[in-house]
């Protein structure tokens, strides 16, 4: 078993990207809520989620979230924190407790 700090740089990058994808999926499904650092970014974030849910197009919503630099930066921060808190097997895959 490895910690985030014991992963190679490629494994770290992969772990962060996986955490980010999972995070966005959970946001889109409405499982978790994320508050952005300021009202302007929060308004853009809420607009994208509302439009995405109205049009029932999660892929487009995900692309719009990643395209907005402020939102993407905040999602990166959350994803890094999540990846750092996870445990990994010897291949760099996150372990889950089921």
PDB file of N, CA and C in Angstrom:
ATOM      1  N   UNK A   1       0.841  -1.166   0.000  1.00  0.00           N
ATOM      2  CA  UNK A   1       0.000   0.000   0.000  1.00  0.00           C
ATOM      3  C   UNK A   1       0.896   1.244   0.000  1.00  0.00           C
ATOM      4  N   UNK A   2       0.491   2.253  -0.795  1.00  0.00           N
ATOM      5  CA  UNK A   2       1.263   3.489  -0.913  1.00  0.00           C
ATOM      6  C   UNK A   2       0.417   4.693  -0.525  1.00  0.00           C
ATOM      7  N   UNK A   3       1.097   5.744  -0.123  1.00  0.00           N
ATOM      8  CA  UNK A   3       0.438   7.027   0.071  1.00  0.00           C
ATOM      9  C   UNK A   3       0.661   7.861  -1.186  1.00  0.00           C
ATOM     10  N   UNK A   4      -0.021   8.984  -1.285  1.00  0.00           N
ATOM     11  CA  UNK A   4       0.118   9.857  -2.439  1.00  0.00           C
ATOM     12  C   UNK A   4       1.572  10.271  -2.649  1.00  0.00           C
ATOM     13  N   UNK A   5       2.266  10.570  -1.566  1.00  0.00           N
ATOM     14  CA  UNK A   5       3.656  10.992  -1.658  1.00  0.00           C
ATOM     15  C   UNK A   5       4.606   9.924  -2.167  1.00  0.00           C
ATOM     16  N   UNK A   6       4.219   8.672  -2.078  1.00  0.00           N
ATOM     17  CA  UNK A   6       5.054   7.573  -2.549  1.00  0.00           C
ATOM     18  C   UNK A   6       4.817   7.225  -4.016  1.00  0.00           C
ATOM     19  N   UNK A   7       3.828   7.858  -4.628  1.00  0.00           N
ATOM     20  CA  UNK A   7       3.546   7.592  -6.038  1.00  0.00           C
ATOM     21  C   UNK A   7       4.543   8.310  -6.930  1.00  0.00           C
ATOM     22  N   UNK A   8       4.768   7.768  -8.111  1.00  0.00           N
ATOM     23  CA  UNK A   8       5.606   8.453  -9.098  1.00  0.00           C
ATOM     24  C   UNK A   8       4.836   9.662  -9.627  1.00  0.00           C
ATOM     25  N   UNK A   9       5.520  10.541 -10.321  1.00  0.00           N
ATOM     26  CA  UNK A   9       4.853  11.745 -10.824  1.00  0.00           C
ATOM     27  C   UNK A   9       3.741  11.393 -11.813  1.00  0.00           C
ATOM     28  N   UNK A  10       3.930  10.373 -12.613  1.00  0.00           N
ATOM     29  CA  UNK A  10       2.888   9.947 -13.553  1.00  0.00           C
ATOM     30  C   UNK A  10       1.691   9.381 -12.788  1.00  0.00           C
ATOM     31  N   UNK A  11       1.963   8.575 -11.759  1.00  0.00           N
ATOM     32  CA  UNK A  11       0.877   8.015 -10.949  1.00  0.00           C
ATOM     33  C   UNK A  11       0.126   9.116 -10.214  1.00  0.00           C
ATOM     34  N   UNK A  12       0.843  10.123  -9.733  1.00  0.00           N
ATOM     35  CA  UNK A  12       0.188  11.258  -9.063  1.00  0.00           C
ATOM     36  C   UNK A  12      -0.739  11.992 -10.019  1.00  0.00           C
ATOM     37  N   UNK A  13      -0.241  12.260 -11.205  1.00  0.00           N
ATOM     38  CA  UNK A  13      -1.040  12.956 -12.211  1.00  0.00           C
ATOM     39  C   UNK A  13      -2.298  12.158 -12.548  1.00  0.00           C
ATOM     40  N   UNK A  14      -2.147  10.861 -12.709  1.00  0.00           N
ATOM     41  CA  UNK A  14      -3.281   9.994 -13.007  1.00  0.00           C
ATOM     42  C   UNK A  14      -4.271   9.987 -11.844  1.00  0.00           C
ATOM     43  N   UNK A  15      -3.771   9.926 -10.624  1.00  0.00           N
ATOM     44  CA  UNK A  15      -4.633   9.913  -9.437  1.00  0.00           C
ATOM     45  C   UNK A  15      -5.429  11.214  -9.339  1.00  0.00           C
ATOM     46  N   UNK A  16      -4.790  12.330  -9.619  1.00  0.00           N
ATOM     47  CA  UNK A  16      -5.481  13.621  -9.570  1.00  0.00           C
ATOM     48  C   UNK A  16      -6.545  13.693 -10.657  1.00  0.00           C
ATOM     49  N   UNK A  17      -6.224  13.242 -11.850  1.00  0.00           N
ATOM     50  CA  UNK A  17      -7.197  13.276 -12.946  1.00  0.00           C
ATOM     51  C   UNK A  17      -8.388  12.373 -12.644  1.00  0.00           C
ATOM     52  N   UNK A  18      -8.134  11.198 -12.079  1.00  0.00           N
ATOM     53  CA  UNK A  18      -9.238  10.299 -11.715  1.00  0.00           C
ATOM     54  C   UNK A  18     -10.111  10.924 -10.634  1.00  0.00           C
ATOM     55  N   UNK A  19      -9.475  11.556  -9.647  1.00  0.00           N
ATOM     56  CA  UNK A  19     -10.228  12.212  -8.577  1.00  0.00           C
ATOM     57  C   UNK A  19     -11.073  13.355  -9.142  1.00  0.00           C
ATOM     58  N   UNK A  20     -10.519  14.083 -10.100  1.00  0.00           N
ATOM     59  CA  UNK A  20     -11.244  15.206 -10.703  1.00  0.00           C
ATOM     60  C   UNK A  20     -12.452  14.708 -11.493  1.00  0.00           C
ATOM     61  N   UNK A  21     -12.273  13.645 -12.250  1.00  0.00           N
ATOM     62  CA  UNK A  21     -13.380  13.085 -13.020  1.00  0.00           C
ATOM     63  C   UNK A  21     -14.491  12.598 -12.095  1.00  0.00           C
ATOM     64  N   UNK A  22     -14.116  11.906 -11.025  1.00  0.00           N
ATOM     65  CA  UNK A  22     -15.097  11.430 -10.055  1.00  0.00           C
ATOM     66  C   UNK A  22     -15.794  12.607  -9.381  1.00  0.00           C
ATOM     67  N   UNK A  23     -15.034  13.621  -9.010  1.00  0.00           N
ATOM     68  CA  UNK A  23     -15.592  14.811  -8.374  1.00  0.00           C
ATOM     69  C   UNK A  23     -16.650  15.454  -9.270  1.00  0.00           C
ATOM     70  N   UNK A  24     -16.320  15.664 -10.526  1.00  0.00           N
ATOM     71  CA  UNK A  24     -17.255  16.305 -11.452  1.00  0.00           C
ATOM     72  C   UNK A  24     -18.485  15.433 -11.671  1.00  0.00           C
ATOM     73  N   UNK A  25     -18.294  14.120 -11.781  1.00  0.00           N
ATOM     74  CA  UNK A  25     -19.440  13.222 -11.916  1.00  0.00           C
ATOM     75  C   UNK A  25     -20.382  13.352 -10.720  1.00  0.00           C
ATOM     76  N   UNK A  26     -19.822  13.410  -9.523  1.00  0.00           N
ATOM     77  CA  UNK A  26     -20.637  13.532  -8.309  1.00  0.00           C
ATOM     78  C   UNK A  26     -21.331  14.892  -8.241  1.00  0.00           C
ATOM     79  N   UNK A  27     -20.662  15.938  -8.705  1.00  0.00           N
ATOM     80  CA  UNK A  27     -21.282  17.272  -8.744  1.00  0.00           C
ATOM     81  C   UNK A  27     -22.445  17.261  -9.729  1.00  0.00           C
ATOM     82  N   UNK A  28     -22.227  16.714 -10.902  1.00  0.00           N
ATOM     83  CA  UNK A  28     -23.263  16.676 -11.938  1.00  0.00           C
ATOM     84  C   UNK A  28     -24.476  15.868 -11.468  1.00  0.00           C
ATOM     85  N   UNK A  29     -24.231  14.769 -10.780  1.00  0.00           N
ATOM     86  CA  UNK A  29     -25.326  13.936 -10.277  1.00  0.00           C
ATOM     87  C   UNK A  29     -26.036  14.577  -9.086  1.00  0.00           C
ATOM     88  N   UNK A  30     -25.454  15.623  -8.515  1.00  0.00           N
ATOM     89  CA  UNK A  30     -26.059  16.299  -7.382  1.00  0.00           C
ATOM     90  C   UNK A  30     -25.766  15.637  -6.049  1.00  0.00           C
ATOM     91  N   UNK A  31     -24.806  14.735  -6.026  1.00  0.00           N
ATOM     92  CA  UNK A  31     -24.457  14.030  -4.797  1.00  0.00           C
ATOM     93  C   UNK A  31     -23.733  14.955  -3.826  1.00  0.00           C
ATOM     94  N   UNK A  32     -22.854  15.807  -4.364  1.00  0.00           N
ATOM     95  CA  UNK A  32     -22.141  16.771  -3.520  1.00  0.00           C
ATOM     96  C   UNK A  32     -22.306  18.171  -4.091  1.00  0.00           C
ATOM     97  N   UNK A  33     -22.162  19.147  -3.225  1.00  0.00           N
ATOM     98  CA  UNK A  33     -22.202  20.547  -3.636  1.00  0.00           C
ATOM     99  C   UNK A  33     -20.830  21.156  -3.402  1.00  0.00           C
ATOM    100  N   UNK A  34     -20.434  22.033  -4.292  1.00  0.00           N
ATOM    101  CA  UNK A  34     -19.147  22.710  -4.175  1.00  0.00           C
ATOM    102  C   UNK A  34     -19.403  24.207  -4.173  1.00  0.00           C
ATOM    103  N   UNK A  35     -18.779  24.895  -3.259  1.00  0.00           N
ATOM    104  CA  UNK A  35     -18.859  26.349  -3.207  1.00  0.00           C
ATOM    105  C   UNK A  35     -17.581  26.916  -3.802  1.00  0.00           C
ATOM    106  N   UNK A  36     -17.745  27.799  -4.747  1.00  0.00           N
ATOM    107  CA  UNK A  36     -16.609  28.445  -5.402  1.00  0.00           C
ATOM    108  C   UNK A  36     -16.102  29.595  -4.522  1.00  0.00           C
ATOM    109  N   UNK A  37     -14.870  30.054  -4.775  1.00  0.00           N
ATOM    110  CA  UNK A  37     -14.237  31.030  -3.885  1.00  0.00           C
ATOM    111  C   UNK A  37     -14.844  32.428  -3.909  1.00  0.00           C
ATOM    112  N   UNK A  38     -15.605  32.773  -4.944  1.00  0.00           N
ATOM    113  CA  UNK A  38     -16.244  34.091  -4.934  1.00  0.00           C
ATOM    114  C   UNK A  38     -17.571  34.031  -5.679  1.00  0.00           C
ATOM    115  N   UNK A  39     -18.362  35.074  -5.523  1.00  0.00           N
ATOM    116  CA  UNK A  39     -19.727  35.096  -6.057  1.00  0.00           C
ATOM    117  C   UNK A  39     -19.768  35.036  -7.584  1.00  0.00           C
ATOM    118  N   UNK A  40     -18.833  35.666  -8.246  1.00  0.00           N
ATOM    119  CA  UNK A  40     -18.829  35.673  -9.713  1.00  0.00           C
ATOM    120  C   UNK A  40     -18.591  34.269 -10.256  1.00  0.00           C
ATOM    121  N   UNK A  41     -17.603  33.589  -9.706  1.00  0.00           N
ATOM    122  CA  UNK A  41     -17.305  32.223 -10.142  1.00  0.00           C
ATOM    123  C   UNK A  41     -18.454  31.295  -9.758  1.00  0.00           C
ATOM    124  N   UNK A  42     -19.035  31.511  -8.580  1.00  0.00           N
ATOM    125  CA  UNK A  42     -20.168  30.677  -8.147  1.00  0.00           C
ATOM    126  C   UNK A  42     -21.342  30.838  -9.099  1.00  0.00           C
ATOM    127  N   UNK A  43     -21.595  32.054  -9.548  1.00  0.00           N
ATOM    128  CA  UNK A  43     -22.697  32.301 -10.476  1.00  0.00           C
ATOM    129  C   UNK A  43     -22.466  31.560 -11.797  1.00  0.00           C
ATOM    130  N   UNK A  44     -21.243  31.601 -12.321  1.00  0.00           N
ATOM    131  CA  UNK A  44     -20.917  30.875 -13.557  1.00  0.00           C
ATOM    132  C   UNK A  44     -21.058  29.369 -13.353  1.00  0.00           C
ATOM    133  N   UNK A  45     -20.583  28.890 -12.237  1.00  0.00           N
ATOM    134  CA  UNK A  45     -20.652  27.473 -11.893  1.00  0.00           C
ATOM    135  C   UNK A  45     -22.110  27.012 -11.839  1.00  0.00           C
ATOM    136  N   UNK A  46     -22.943  27.759 -11.134  1.00  0.00           N
ATOM    137  CA  UNK A  46     -24.359  27.417 -11.007  1.00  0.00           C
ATOM    138  C   UNK A  46     -25.065  27.472 -12.359  1.00  0.00           C
ATOM    139  N   UNK A  47     -24.724  28.444 -13.188  1.00  0.00           N
ATOM    140  CA  UNK A  47     -25.335  28.584 -14.513  1.00  0.00           C
ATOM    141  C   UNK A  47     -25.003  27.374 -15.378  1.00  0.00           C
ATOM    142  N   UNK A  48     -23.741  26.964 -15.363  1.00  0.00           N
ATOM    143  CA  UNK A  48     -23.328  25.801 -16.159  1.00  0.00           C
ATOM    144  C   UNK A  48     -24.072  24.548 -15.700  1.00  0.00           C
ATOM    145  N   UNK A  49     -24.158  24.348 -14.379  1.00  0.00           N
ATOM    146  CA  UNK A  49     -24.858  23.166 -13.861  1.00  0.00           C
ATOM    147  C   UNK A  49     -26.345  23.207 -14.202  1.00  0.00           C
ATOM    148  N   UNK A  50     -26.962  24.369 -14.090  1.00  0.00           N
ATOM    149  CA  UNK A  50     -28.380  24.503 -14.411  1.00  0.00           C
ATOM    150  C   UNK A  50     -28.634  24.217 -15.890  1.00  0.00           C
ATOM    151  N   UNK A  51     -27.822  24.816 -16.751  1.00  0.00           N
ATOM    152  CA  UNK A  51     -27.976  24.590 -18.194  1.00  0.00           C
ATOM    153  C   UNK A  51     -27.754  23.125 -18.553  1.00  0.00           C
ATOM    154  N   UNK A  52     -26.757  22.522 -17.929  1.00  0.00           N
ATOM    155  CA  UNK A  52     -26.436  21.136 -18.209  1.00  0.00           C
ATOM    156  C   UNK A  52     -27.581  20.221 -17.775  1.00  0.00           C
ATOM    157  N   UNK A  53     -28.151  20.480 -16.624  1.00  0.00           N
ATOM    158  CA  UNK A  53     -29.250  19.641 -16.141  1.00  0.00           C
ATOM    159  C   UNK A  53     -30.516  19.867 -16.963  1.00  0.00           C
ATOM    160  N   UNK A  54     -30.747  21.099 -17.376  1.00  0.00           N
ATOM    161  CA  UNK A  54     -31.913  21.414 -18.195  1.00  0.00           C
ATOM    162  C   UNK A  54     -31.821  20.716 -19.553  1.00  0.00           C
ATOM    163  N   UNK A  55     -30.653  20.723 -20.141  1.00  0.00           N
ATOM    164  CA  UNK A  55     -30.451  20.113 -21.455  1.00  0.00           C
ATOM    165  C   UNK A  55     -30.126  18.621 -21.376  1.00  0.00           C
ATOM    166  N   UNK A  56     -29.953  18.116 -20.148  1.00  0.00           N
ATOM    167  CA  UNK A  56     -29.609  16.706 -19.917  1.00  0.00           C
ATOM    168  C   UNK A  56     -28.407  16.285 -20.746  1.00  0.00           C
ATOM    169  N   UNK A  57     -27.359  17.080 -20.671  1.00  0.00           N
ATOM    170  CA  UNK A  57     -26.138  16.805 -21.428  1.00  0.00           C
ATOM    171  C   UNK A  57     -24.929  16.911 -20.497  1.00  0.00           C
ATOM    172  N   UNK A  58     -24.658  15.853 -19.701  1.00  0.00           N
ATOM    173  CA  UNK A  58     -23.552  15.918 -18.745  1.00  0.00           C
ATOM    174  C   UNK A  58     -22.180  16.077 -19.388  1.00  0.00           C
ATOM    175  N   UNK A  59     -21.978  15.531 -20.571  1.00  0.00           N
ATOM    176  CA  UNK A  59     -20.673  15.655 -21.219  1.00  0.00           C
ATOM    177  C   UNK A  59     -20.373  17.107 -21.563  1.00  0.00           C
ATOM    178  N   UNK A  60     -21.383  17.816 -22.072  1.00  0.00           N
ATOM    179  CA  UNK A  60     -21.194  19.224 -22.390  1.00  0.00           C
ATOM    180  C   UNK A  60     -20.949  20.025 -21.105  1.00  0.00           C
ATOM    181  N   UNK A  61     -21.676  19.690 -20.051  1.00  0.00           N
ATOM    182  CA  UNK A  61     -21.482  20.370 -18.774  1.00  0.00           C
ATOM    183  C   UNK A  61     -20.075  20.174 -18.243  1.00  0.00           C
ATOM    184  N   UNK A  62     -19.564  18.954 -18.357  1.00  0.00           N
ATOM    185  CA  UNK A  62     -18.213  18.664 -17.901  1.00  0.00           C
ATOM    186  C   UNK A  62     -17.197  19.481 -18.702  1.00  0.00           C
ATOM    187  N   UNK A  63     -17.393  19.547 -20.012  1.00  0.00           N
ATOM    188  CA  UNK A  63     -16.468  20.319 -20.856  1.00  0.00           C
ATOM    189  C   UNK A  63     -16.516  21.805 -20.509  1.00  0.00           C
ATOM    190  N   UNK A  64     -17.711  22.330 -20.229  1.00  0.00           N
ATOM    191  CA  UNK A  64     -17.836  23.744 -19.872  1.00  0.00           C
ATOM    192  C   UNK A  64     -17.197  24.040 -18.511  1.00  0.00           C
ATOM    193  N   UNK A  65     -17.331  23.111 -17.584  1.00  0.00           N
ATOM    194  CA  UNK A  65     -16.690  23.289 -16.274  1.00  0.00           C
ATOM    195  C   UNK A  65     -15.173  23.331 -16.415  1.00  0.00           C
ATOM    196  N   UNK A  66     -14.634  22.452 -17.241  1.00  0.00           N
ATOM    197  CA  UNK A  66     -13.183  22.420 -17.439  1.00  0.00           C
ATOM    198  C   UNK A  66     -12.701  23.611 -18.264  1.00  0.00           C
ATOM    199  N   UNK A  67     -13.557  24.140 -19.120  1.00  0.00           N
ATOM    200  CA  UNK A  67     -13.160  25.256 -19.979  1.00  0.00           C
ATOM    201  C   UNK A  67     -13.071  26.571 -19.209  1.00  0.00           C
ATOM    202  N   UNK A  68     -13.831  26.708 -18.130  1.00  0.00           N
ATOM    203  CA  UNK A  68     -13.779  27.925 -17.316  1.00  0.00           C
ATOM    204  C   UNK A  68     -12.559  27.833 -16.396  1.00  0.00           C
ATOM    205  N   UNK A  69     -11.589  28.704 -16.599  1.00  0.00           N
ATOM    206  CA  UNK A  69     -10.306  28.598 -15.880  1.00  0.00           C
ATOM    207  C   UNK A  69     -10.465  28.701 -14.368  1.00  0.00           C
ATOM    208  N   UNK A  70     -11.330  29.592 -13.899  1.00  0.00           N
ATOM    209  CA  UNK A  70     -11.509  29.756 -12.453  1.00  0.00           C
ATOM    210  C   UNK A  70     -12.149  28.527 -11.826  1.00  0.00           C
ATOM    211  N   UNK A  71     -13.152  28.001 -12.493  1.00  0.00           N
ATOM    212  CA  UNK A  71     -13.824  26.795 -11.991  1.00  0.00           C
ATOM    213  C   UNK A  71     -12.865  25.609 -12.048  1.00  0.00           C
ATOM    214  N   UNK A  72     -12.164  25.473 -13.168  1.00  0.00           N
ATOM    215  CA  UNK A  72     -11.227  24.364 -13.339  1.00  0.00           C
ATOM    216  C   UNK A  72     -10.134  24.401 -12.277  1.00  0.00           C
ATOM    217  N   UNK A  73      -9.659  25.588 -11.952  1.00  0.00           N
ATOM    218  CA  UNK A  73      -8.613  25.740 -10.935  1.00  0.00           C
ATOM    219  C   UNK A  73      -9.123  25.268  -9.570  1.00  0.00           C
ATOM    220  N   UNK A  74     -10.358  25.618  -9.233  1.00  0.00           N
ATOM    221  CA  UNK A  74     -10.927  25.199  -7.955  1.00  0.00           C
ATOM    222  C   UNK A  74     -11.164  23.691  -7.933  1.00  0.00           C
ATOM    223  N   UNK A  75     -11.624  23.136  -9.047  1.00  0.00           N
ATOM    224  CA  UNK A  75     -11.807  21.686  -9.132  1.00  0.00           C
ATOM    225  C   UNK A  75     -10.466  20.967  -9.001  1.00  0.00           C
ATOM    226  N   UNK A  76      -9.415  21.554  -9.564  1.00  0.00           N
ATOM    227  CA  UNK A  76      -8.066  20.979  -9.409  1.00  0.00           C
ATOM    228  C   UNK A  76      -7.652  20.949  -7.945  1.00  0.00           C
ATOM    229  N   UNK A  77      -7.894  22.034  -7.237  1.00  0.00           N
ATOM    230  CA  UNK A  77      -7.517  22.094  -5.809  1.00  0.00           C
ATOM    231  C   UNK A  77      -8.225  21.020  -4.997  1.00  0.00           C
ATOM    232  N   UNK A  78      -9.520  20.875  -5.240  1.00  0.00           N
ATOM    233  CA  UNK A  78     -10.289  19.863  -4.507  1.00  0.00           C
ATOM    234  C   UNK A  78      -9.804  18.467  -4.877  1.00  0.00           C
ATOM    235  N   UNK A  79      -9.532  18.250  -6.152  1.00  0.00           N
ATOM    236  CA  UNK A  79      -9.077  16.939  -6.627  1.00  0.00           C
ATOM    237  C   UNK A  79      -7.722  16.567  -6.040  1.00  0.00           C
ATOM    238  N   UNK A  80      -6.834  17.530  -5.940  1.00  0.00           N
ATOM    239  CA  UNK A  80      -5.514  17.278  -5.343  1.00  0.00           C
ATOM    240  C   UNK A  80      -5.672  16.883  -3.886  1.00  0.00           C
ATOM    241  N   UNK A  81      -6.542  17.588  -3.165  1.00  0.00           N
ATOM    242  CA  UNK A  81      -6.774  17.255  -1.754  1.00  0.00           C
ATOM    243  C   UNK A  81      -7.351  15.850  -1.621  1.00  0.00           C
ATOM    244  N   UNK A  82      -8.279  15.501  -2.495  1.00  0.00           N
ATOM    245  CA  UNK A  82      -8.874  14.166  -2.450  1.00  0.00           C
ATOM    246  C   UNK A  82      -7.835  13.094  -2.780  1.00  0.00           C
ATOM    247  N   UNK A  83      -7.029  13.341  -3.791  1.00  0.00           N
ATOM    248  CA  UNK A  83      -5.999  12.367  -4.185  1.00  0.00           C
ATOM    249  C   UNK A  83      -4.960  12.190  -3.078  1.00  0.00           C
ATOM    250  N   UNK A  84      -4.621  13.265  -2.391  1.00  0.00           N
ATOM    251  CA  UNK A  84      -3.631  13.172  -1.320  1.00  0.00           C
ATOM    252  C   UNK A  84      -4.153  12.380  -0.132  1.00  0.00           C
ATOM    253  N   UNK A  85      -5.462  12.377   0.054  1.00  0.00           N
ATOM    254  CA  UNK A  85      -6.044  11.664   1.184  1.00  0.00           C
ATOM    255  C   UNK A  85      -6.324  10.196   0.921  1.00  0.00           C
ATOM    256  N   UNK A  86      -6.157   9.776  -0.309  1.00  0.00           N
ATOM    257  CA  UNK A  86      -6.456   8.383  -0.671  1.00  0.00           C
ATOM    258  C   UNK A  86      -5.257   7.478  -0.403  1.00  0.00           C
ATOM    259  N   UNK A  87      -5.538   6.186  -0.368  1.00  0.00           N
ATOM    260  CA  UNK A  87      -4.493   5.170  -0.280  1.00  0.00           C
ATOM    261  C   UNK A  87      -4.443   4.444  -1.613  1.00  0.00           C
ATOM    262  N   UNK A  88      -3.274   3.955  -1.981  1.00  0.00           N
ATOM    263  CA  UNK A  88      -3.066   3.355  -3.298  1.00  0.00           C
ATOM    264  C   UNK A  88      -2.404   2.000  -3.169  1.00  0.00           C
ATOM    265  N   UNK A  89      -2.706   1.126  -4.152  1.00  0.00           N
ATOM    266  CA  UNK A  89      -2.021  -0.161  -4.176  1.00  0.00           C
ATOM    267  C   UNK A  89      -0.644   0.036  -4.807  1.00  0.00           C
ATOM    268  N   UNK A  90       0.109  -1.033  -4.934  1.00  0.00           N
ATOM    269  CA  UNK A  90       1.471  -0.928  -5.460  1.00  0.00           C
ATOM    270  C   UNK A  90       1.514  -0.523  -6.932  1.00  0.00           C
ATOM    271  N   UNK A  91       0.386  -0.613  -7.637  1.00  0.00           N
ATOM    272  CA  UNK A  91       0.314  -0.188  -9.034  1.00  0.00           C
ATOM    273  C   UNK A  91      -0.143   1.248  -9.184  1.00  0.00           C
ATOM    274  N   UNK A  92      -0.410   1.931  -8.074  1.00  0.00           N
ATOM    275  CA  UNK A  92      -0.831   3.322  -8.130  1.00  0.00           C
ATOM    276  C   UNK A  92      -2.323   3.509  -8.266  1.00  0.00           C
ATOM    277  N   UNK A  93      -3.109   2.448  -8.119  1.00  0.00           N
ATOM    278  CA  UNK A  93      -4.565   2.541  -8.201  1.00  0.00           C
ATOM    279  C   UNK A  93      -5.130   2.825  -6.827  1.00  0.00           C
ATOM    280  N   UNK A  94      -6.103   3.724  -6.763  1.00  0.00           N
ATOM    281  CA  UNK A  94      -6.726   4.069  -5.486  1.00  0.00           C
ATOM    282  C   UNK A  94      -7.451   2.868  -4.928  1.00  0.00           C
ATOM    283  N   UNK A  95      -7.310   2.682  -3.629  1.00  0.00           N
ATOM    284  CA  UNK A  95      -8.013   1.603  -2.933  1.00  0.00           C
ATOM    285  C   UNK A  95      -9.347   2.136  -2.442  1.00  0.00           C
ATOM    286  N   UNK A  96     -10.349   1.292  -2.470  1.00  0.00           N
ATOM    287  CA  UNK A  96     -11.663   1.672  -1.973  1.00  0.00           C
ATOM    288  C   UNK A  96     -12.027   0.754  -0.828  1.00  0.00           C
ATOM    289  N   UNK A  97     -12.805   1.261   0.106  1.00  0.00           N
ATOM    290  CA  UNK A  97     -13.286   0.465   1.222  1.00  0.00           C
ATOM    291  C   UNK A  97     -14.732   0.069   0.940  1.00  0.00           C
ATOM    292  N   UNK A  98     -14.936  -1.147   0.507  1.00  0.00           N
ATOM    293  CA  UNK A  98     -16.290  -1.650   0.244  1.00  0.00           C
ATOM    294  C   UNK A  98     -16.562  -2.805   1.168  1.00  0.00           C
TER     295      UNK A  98
END
